[in-house]
Amino acid sequence: MEPTVEKLETRFLKSEADLEYIERRLKLDFINSAAVSGCSAEVVTHSFHFSQQLLPVLVGPALCCLSSCC
């Protein structure tokens, strides 16, 4: 039973790391797209904060499912 729990923990940690990577990539993409399009920093900041609020709503159910498996 313990190897199964360790595998699930490893998958959960990898999922968290993947989400952190996605978050960093989104930040970078927002910054780069703003620079290319000439948007103001205020528009970029507002858009980024909105995406930060939306991401947990979309990913939250998946994380709950993973955490209940452990």
Protein backbone atom coordinates (compact mmCIF):
# COMPACT_ATOMS: atom_id res chain seq x y z
CA MET A 1 0.00 0.00 0.00
CA GLU A 2 2.80 2.43 0.82
CA PRO A 3 4.34 2.44 -2.69
CA THR A 4 0.95 3.44 -4.07
CA VAL A 5 0.73 6.36 -1.66
CA GLU A 6 4.25 7.44 -2.56
CA LYS A 7 3.37 7.35 -6.27
CA LEU A 8 0.29 9.49 -5.66
CA GLU A 9 2.30 11.96 -3.59
CA THR A 10 4.90 12.17 -6.34
CA ARG A 11 2.20 12.81 -8.95
CA PHE A 12 0.62 15.46 -6.76
CA LEU A 13 3.95 17.24 -6.27
CA LYS A 14 4.62 17.11 -10.00
CA SER A 15 1.17 18.56 -10.68
CA GLU A 16 1.87 21.42 -8.29
CA ALA A 17 5.21 22.08 -9.97
CA ASP A 18 3.52 22.03 -13.38
CA LEU A 19 0.92 24.56 -12.21
CA GLU A 20 3.64 26.84 -10.86
CA TYR A 21 5.44 26.62 -14.21
CA ILE A 22 2.22 27.46 -16.06
CA GLU A 23 1.68 30.45 -13.78
CA ARG A 24 5.19 31.76 -14.48
CA ARG A 25 4.72 31.25 -18.23
CA LEU A 26 1.41 33.12 -18.15
CA LYS A 27 3.06 36.04 -16.37
CA LEU A 28 5.81 36.13 -18.95
CA ASP A 29 3.34 35.86 -21.83
CA PHE A 30 1.29 38.75 -20.42
CA ILE A 31 4.38 40.91 -20.12
CA ASN A 32 5.64 40.03 -23.60
CA SER A 33 2.26 40.50 -25.30
CA ALA A 34 1.83 43.86 -23.60
CA ALA A 35 5.23 45.00 -24.79
CA VAL A 36 4.45 43.96 -28.36
CA SER A 37 0.98 45.49 -28.47
CA GLY A 38 1.94 48.66 -26.60
CA CYS A 39 -0.58 48.17 -23.78
CA SER A 40 -0.13 50.13 -20.63
CA ALA A 41 1.15 48.49 -17.48
CA GLU A 42 -2.25 49.10 -15.85
CA VAL A 43 -4.07 47.04 -18.48
CA VAL A 44 -1.57 44.21 -18.16
CA THR A 45 -1.79 44.24 -14.36
CA HIS A 46 -5.61 44.18 -14.43
CA SER A 47 -5.68 41.34 -16.97
CA PHE A 48 -3.13 39.33 -15.04
CA HIS A 49 -4.98 39.70 -11.73
CA PHE A 50 -8.19 38.60 -13.43
CA SER A 51 -6.45 35.49 -14.80
CA GLN A 52 -5.04 34.71 -11.33
CA GLN A 53 -8.57 34.74 -9.94
CA LEU A 54 -9.93 32.57 -12.74
CA LEU A 55 -7.21 29.90 -12.72
CA PRO A 56 -8.03 28.48 -9.25
CA VAL A 57 -11.71 28.25 -10.23
CA LEU A 58 -10.80 26.17 -13.26
CA VAL A 59 -8.07 24.06 -11.64
CA GLY A 60 -9.53 23.80 -8.12
CA PRO A 61 -11.78 20.79 -8.76
CA ALA A 62 -8.86 18.82 -10.21
CA LEU A 63 -6.69 19.61 -7.19
CA CYS A 64 -9.48 18.54 -4.83
CA CYS A 65 -9.76 15.26 -6.67
CA LEU A 66 -6.03 14.67 -6.43
CA SER A 67 -5.82 15.60 -2.78
CA SER A 68 -8.71 13.32 -1.83
CA CYS A 69 -6.91 10.39 -3.46
CA CYS A 70 -3.92 10.76 -1.11
